[in-house]
N, C-alpha and C. Protein backbone atom coordinates (compact mmCIF):
# COMPACT_ATOMS: atom_id res chain seq x y z
N MET A 1 -5.29 5.51 -20.77
CA MET A 1 -6.16 4.74 -19.91
C MET A 1 -5.39 4.09 -18.77
N ALA A 2 -4.13 3.76 -18.98
CA ALA A 2 -3.35 3.14 -17.92
C ALA A 2 -3.26 4.06 -16.71
N MET A 3 -3.11 5.35 -16.95
CA MET A 3 -3.02 6.30 -15.85
C MET A 3 -4.34 6.35 -15.08
N ARG A 4 -5.47 6.30 -15.79
CA ARG A 4 -6.78 6.32 -15.13
C ARG A 4 -6.92 5.11 -14.22
N ALA A 5 -6.49 3.93 -14.69
CA ALA A 5 -6.57 2.72 -13.89
C ALA A 5 -5.70 2.85 -12.64
N TYR A 6 -4.53 3.43 -12.79
CA TYR A 6 -3.63 3.64 -11.65
C TYR A 6 -4.27 4.58 -10.63
N VAL A 7 -4.83 5.67 -11.10
CA VAL A 7 -5.46 6.63 -10.21
C VAL A 7 -6.64 5.98 -9.48
N ASP A 8 -7.44 5.20 -10.19
CA ASP A 8 -8.57 4.50 -9.57
C ASP A 8 -8.08 3.56 -8.47
N GLU A 9 -6.99 2.84 -8.74
CA GLU A 9 -6.43 1.90 -7.77
C GLU A 9 -5.92 2.64 -6.52
N VAL A 10 -5.20 3.72 -6.73
CA VAL A 10 -4.68 4.50 -5.61
C VAL A 10 -5.83 5.09 -4.80
N ASP A 11 -6.84 5.58 -5.48
CA ASP A 11 -8.00 6.15 -4.81
C ASP A 11 -8.69 5.09 -3.95
N ALA A 12 -8.93 3.93 -4.51
CA ALA A 12 -9.61 2.86 -3.77
C ALA A 12 -8.79 2.40 -2.57
N SER A 13 -7.49 2.27 -2.74
CA SER A 13 -6.67 1.83 -1.61
C SER A 13 -6.60 2.90 -0.54
N GLY A 14 -6.60 4.16 -0.93
CA GLY A 14 -6.59 5.26 0.04
C GLY A 14 -7.87 5.29 0.84
N VAL A 15 -8.99 5.09 0.18
CA VAL A 15 -10.29 5.07 0.87
C VAL A 15 -10.31 3.88 1.84
N ALA A 16 -9.83 2.74 1.40
CA ALA A 16 -9.81 1.55 2.26
C ALA A 16 -8.96 1.81 3.51
N GLN A 17 -7.82 2.45 3.33
CA GLN A 17 -6.96 2.76 4.48
C GLN A 17 -7.67 3.70 5.46
N MET A 18 -8.37 4.68 4.93
CA MET A 18 -9.08 5.61 5.81
C MET A 18 -10.22 4.91 6.54
N GLN A 19 -10.90 3.99 5.87
CA GLN A 19 -11.97 3.24 6.53
C GLN A 19 -11.39 2.37 7.65
N GLU A 20 -10.25 1.75 7.39
CA GLU A 20 -9.60 0.93 8.41
C GLU A 20 -9.20 1.77 9.62
N ALA A 21 -8.91 3.05 9.37
CA ALA A 21 -8.53 3.95 10.46
C ALA A 21 -9.76 4.51 11.19
N GLY A 22 -10.97 4.15 10.73
CA GLY A 22 -12.18 4.55 11.43
C GLY A 22 -13.04 5.58 10.72
N MET A 23 -12.63 6.02 9.54
CA MET A 23 -13.42 7.01 8.83
C MET A 23 -14.68 6.36 8.23
N THR A 24 -15.78 7.07 8.28
CA THR A 24 -17.01 6.61 7.64
C THR A 24 -17.06 7.17 6.22
N VAL A 25 -17.28 6.29 5.26
CA VAL A 25 -17.35 6.69 3.86
C VAL A 25 -18.79 6.50 3.39
N ASN A 26 -19.38 7.56 2.90
CA ASN A 26 -20.75 7.50 2.38
C ASN A 26 -20.70 7.40 0.87
N GLU A 27 -21.39 6.40 0.33
CA GLU A 27 -21.46 6.22 -1.11
C GLU A 27 -22.84 6.65 -1.58
N LEU A 28 -22.87 7.33 -2.71
CA LEU A 28 -24.14 7.80 -3.26
C LEU A 28 -24.79 6.73 -4.11
N SER A 29 -26.10 6.65 -4.00
CA SER A 29 -26.87 5.75 -4.86
C SER A 29 -26.95 6.38 -6.25
N PRO A 30 -27.31 5.61 -7.27
CA PRO A 30 -27.48 6.20 -8.60
C PRO A 30 -28.48 7.36 -8.60
N GLU A 31 -29.53 7.24 -7.79
CA GLU A 31 -30.53 8.31 -7.71
C GLU A 31 -29.92 9.58 -7.09
N GLN A 32 -29.11 9.41 -6.07
CA GLN A 32 -28.46 10.55 -5.43
C GLN A 32 -27.46 11.22 -6.38
N LYS A 33 -26.73 10.40 -7.14
CA LYS A 33 -25.79 10.95 -8.13
C LYS A 33 -26.54 11.75 -9.19
N ALA A 34 -27.68 11.23 -9.63
CA ALA A 34 -28.48 11.93 -10.64
C ALA A 34 -29.00 13.26 -10.09
N ALA A 35 -29.44 13.27 -8.84
CA ALA A 35 -29.92 14.51 -8.23
C ALA A 35 -28.79 15.53 -8.12
N PHE A 36 -27.60 15.06 -7.78
CA PHE A 36 -26.44 15.93 -7.68
C PHE A 36 -26.11 16.55 -9.05
N ARG A 37 -26.11 15.70 -10.09
CA ARG A 37 -25.85 16.20 -11.45
C ARG A 37 -26.91 17.22 -11.87
N ASP A 38 -28.17 16.94 -11.55
CA ASP A 38 -29.25 17.87 -11.89
C ASP A 38 -29.05 19.21 -11.20
N ALA A 39 -28.62 19.17 -9.94
CA ALA A 39 -28.40 20.41 -9.18
C ALA A 39 -27.26 21.23 -9.77
N LEU A 40 -26.34 20.58 -10.47
CA LEU A 40 -25.19 21.29 -11.05
C LEU A 40 -25.42 21.75 -12.48
N ALA A 41 -26.57 21.46 -13.04
CA ALA A 41 -26.83 21.80 -14.45
C ALA A 41 -26.65 23.29 -14.72
N GLU A 42 -27.22 24.13 -13.90
CA GLU A 42 -27.12 25.59 -14.13
C GLU A 42 -25.70 26.11 -13.95
N PRO A 43 -25.01 25.75 -12.85
CA PRO A 43 -23.62 26.22 -12.73
C PRO A 43 -22.74 25.73 -13.88
N TYR A 44 -22.98 24.49 -14.35
CA TYR A 44 -22.18 23.98 -15.47
C TYR A 44 -22.38 24.83 -16.72
N LYS A 45 -23.58 25.33 -16.93
CA LYS A 45 -23.82 26.21 -18.09
C LYS A 45 -22.95 27.46 -17.99
N ASN A 46 -22.84 28.00 -16.79
CA ASN A 46 -21.99 29.18 -16.59
C ASN A 46 -20.52 28.85 -16.83
N TYR A 47 -20.08 27.70 -16.33
CA TYR A 47 -18.69 27.29 -16.55
C TYR A 47 -18.42 27.02 -18.02
N GLU A 48 -19.42 26.49 -18.72
CA GLU A 48 -19.26 26.22 -20.14
C GLU A 48 -18.95 27.50 -20.91
N ALA A 49 -19.61 28.58 -20.53
CA ALA A 49 -19.35 29.87 -21.18
C ALA A 49 -17.93 30.34 -20.91
N GLN A 50 -17.41 30.00 -19.74
CA GLN A 50 -16.08 30.44 -19.36
C GLN A 50 -14.98 29.51 -19.89
N PHE A 51 -15.21 28.21 -19.82
CA PHE A 51 -14.15 27.24 -20.14
C PHE A 51 -14.36 26.47 -21.43
N GLY A 52 -15.54 26.55 -22.00
CA GLY A 52 -15.82 25.86 -23.26
C GLY A 52 -16.58 24.57 -23.07
N LYS A 53 -17.40 24.24 -24.06
CA LYS A 53 -18.25 23.06 -24.01
C LYS A 53 -17.43 21.77 -23.98
N GLU A 54 -16.35 21.70 -24.75
CA GLU A 54 -15.56 20.48 -24.83
C GLU A 54 -15.01 20.09 -23.46
N LEU A 55 -14.44 21.04 -22.74
CA LEU A 55 -13.88 20.74 -21.43
C LEU A 55 -14.99 20.32 -20.45
N MET A 56 -16.09 21.03 -20.47
CA MET A 56 -17.18 20.69 -19.55
C MET A 56 -17.77 19.32 -19.86
N ASP A 57 -17.86 18.97 -21.14
CA ASP A 57 -18.34 17.63 -21.51
C ASP A 57 -17.38 16.56 -20.96
N ARG A 58 -16.09 16.83 -21.06
CA ARG A 58 -15.10 15.86 -20.55
C ARG A 58 -15.21 15.72 -19.04
N ILE A 59 -15.39 16.81 -18.34
CA ILE A 59 -15.52 16.78 -16.88
C ILE A 59 -16.76 15.99 -16.49
N GLN A 60 -17.87 16.24 -17.16
CA GLN A 60 -19.12 15.57 -16.82
C GLN A 60 -19.10 14.08 -17.18
N ALA A 61 -18.24 13.69 -18.08
CA ALA A 61 -18.16 12.28 -18.48
C ALA A 61 -17.43 11.42 -17.46
N VAL A 62 -16.69 12.05 -16.55
CA VAL A 62 -15.94 11.31 -15.53
C VAL A 62 -16.90 10.73 -14.51
N GLU A 63 -16.72 9.49 -14.18
CA GLU A 63 -17.57 8.83 -13.17
C GLU A 63 -16.96 8.97 -11.81
């Protein structure tokens, strides 16, 4: 978990630096995230056959 916290911190600081440099960052609402996940349901089934259910469950659990 310590590595995840580090990665989250680096990610957030990198985004902040890019915003300071003038980049526009669009954040998805919970509804938009849900629509995105729904749109990926079928491709994920195909990947599950190729890579296994356990790996795909782990990937989908990441926020």
